[in-house]
Each structure stands twice: as structure tokens, then as C-alpha cells.
Protein backbone atom coordinates (compact mmCIF):
# COMPACT_ATOMS: atom_id res chain seq x y z
CA UNK A 1 -30.15 106.54 204.98
CA UNK A 2 -26.45 106.48 204.75
CA UNK A 3 -24.10 106.62 207.91
CA UNK A 4 -20.37 107.79 208.25
CA UNK A 5 -18.18 105.06 207.21
CA UNK A 6 -20.58 103.68 204.59
CA UNK A 7 -18.86 102.59 201.29
CA UNK A 8 -21.05 103.81 198.47
CA UNK A 9 -21.37 103.61 194.60
CA UNK A 10 -22.92 106.54 192.73
CA UNK A 11 -24.21 106.12 189.24
CA UNK A 12 -24.30 109.34 187.29
CA UNK A 13 -27.49 110.26 185.45
CA UNK A 14 -25.39 112.09 182.88
CA UNK A 15 -24.60 110.03 179.81
CA UNK A 16 -20.85 109.51 179.44
CA UNK A 17 -20.07 109.96 183.16
CA UNK A 18 -18.40 107.54 185.23
CA UNK A 19 -19.67 105.53 188.11
CA UNK A 20 -17.85 106.70 191.26
CA UNK A 21 -17.20 104.89 194.53
CA UNK A 22 -16.05 106.13 198.01
CA UNK A 23 -16.57 106.45 201.74
CA UNK A 24 -19.15 108.72 203.50
CA UNK A 25 -17.11 110.98 205.81
CA UNK A 26 -20.16 113.22 206.97
CA UNK A 27 -23.78 113.36 206.95
CA UNK A 28 -25.67 116.70 207.49
CA UNK A 29 -29.29 115.96 206.84
CA UNK A 30 -29.84 115.22 203.13
CA UNK A 31 -26.38 116.44 202.16
CA UNK A 32 -23.59 113.90 202.47
CA UNK A 33 -19.73 114.25 202.11
CA UNK A 34 -17.99 111.55 200.22
CA UNK A 35 -14.17 110.94 199.99
CA UNK A 36 -13.98 109.39 196.65
CA UNK A 37 -11.49 106.51 195.88
CA UNK A 38 -9.73 108.58 193.27
CA UNK A 39 -8.71 110.90 196.16
CA UNK A 40 -11.12 114.07 195.87
CA UNK A 41 -14.01 114.89 198.15
CA UNK A 42 -17.53 116.13 197.41
CA UNK A 43 -20.70 117.40 199.38
CA UNK A 44 -23.71 116.53 197.54
CA UNK A 45 -27.50 115.51 197.78
CA UNK A 46 -27.89 112.18 196.05
CA UNK A 47 -30.83 111.81 193.64
CA UNK A 48 -33.31 108.94 194.12
CA UNK A 49 -31.92 105.74 193.18
CA UNK A 50 -28.45 107.20 192.47
CA UNK A 51 -26.57 106.00 195.61
CA UNK A 52 -25.95 102.41 196.52
CA UNK A 53 -24.34 101.28 199.92
CA UNK A 54 -21.94 98.49 199.05
CA UNK A 55 -20.40 98.05 202.65
CA UNK A 56 -19.08 99.87 205.82
CA UNK A 57 -15.60 100.80 206.71
CA UNK A 58 -14.69 100.43 210.35
CA UNK A 59 -12.45 103.24 211.89
CA UNK A 60 -9.43 100.83 211.01
CA UNK A 61 -10.44 100.83 207.31
CA UNK A 62 -11.71 97.36 207.27
CA UNK A 63 -14.73 96.82 204.95
CA UNK A 64 -17.92 95.20 206.38
CA UNK A 65 -20.46 93.88 204.06
CA UNK A 66 -23.94 95.46 204.31
CA UNK A 67 -25.72 92.06 204.81
CA UNK A 68 -23.63 91.53 207.87
CA UNK A 69 -25.17 94.49 209.76
CA UNK A 70 -27.41 94.36 212.81
CA UNK A 71 -31.16 94.92 212.44
CA UNK A 72 -30.56 98.71 213.17
CA UNK A 73 -27.90 99.10 210.48
CA UNK A 74 -24.81 99.00 212.45
CA UNK A 75 -21.94 96.74 211.67
CA UNK A 76 -21.99 93.46 213.61
CA UNK A 77 -18.21 93.19 213.86
CA UNK A 78 -17.41 90.87 211.15
CA UNK A 79 -15.02 92.60 208.63
CA UNK A 80 -14.66 91.67 204.93
CA UNK A 81 -10.82 91.19 204.13
CA UNK A 82 -9.12 90.06 200.84
CA UNK A 83 -9.27 86.35 202.13
CA UNK A 84 -12.92 86.60 203.24
CA UNK A 85 -14.80 87.32 206.31
CA UNK A 86 -13.18 87.62 209.71
CA UNK A 87 -15.16 86.53 212.80
């Protein structure tokens, strides 16, 4: 299950469509709202296997790698920066 702040990668099932990445801004059951890196926003229900969580953004916009989360999926506070991980 995705959470608000998760960075996601969505692979299109349609031939010729590009892979999109963005940040989840709302979750309402199955439908999720994503602010795409290209600047637009969409509400959609991802199909099985089409959505990959690649990280998490804190409110300050820092990315947190998914393997640095606590057991319940919450970030553990270590942020991914351009120079590596911050404690």
C-alpha cells in the first residue's frame, strides 16, 4: 500500500507510452493522486504490478530510500541526498 509522500514509478501497459515518476499526494482507498515530475497531477487506480515505490519524500522534500524505513513502512529519518545518506 502506498502512502502520501512515496516516490513512485509507473510503467505503462500501453506500448509506446513512457514510464512516469512522481510523488503520491493523496490516497483514498484504491485511487491515489500523484504529482508527476513533469508538473501535472493525476488521480488513478494502479493496475497490479504497474506501480513501484522508489523512495519517500519528507515534508521538506528530502528523499528517503525505501529500504531505510521502519518495519511498519514509516521512514526512519535517514534522508537520501545528492552526496549520500544523512544520519
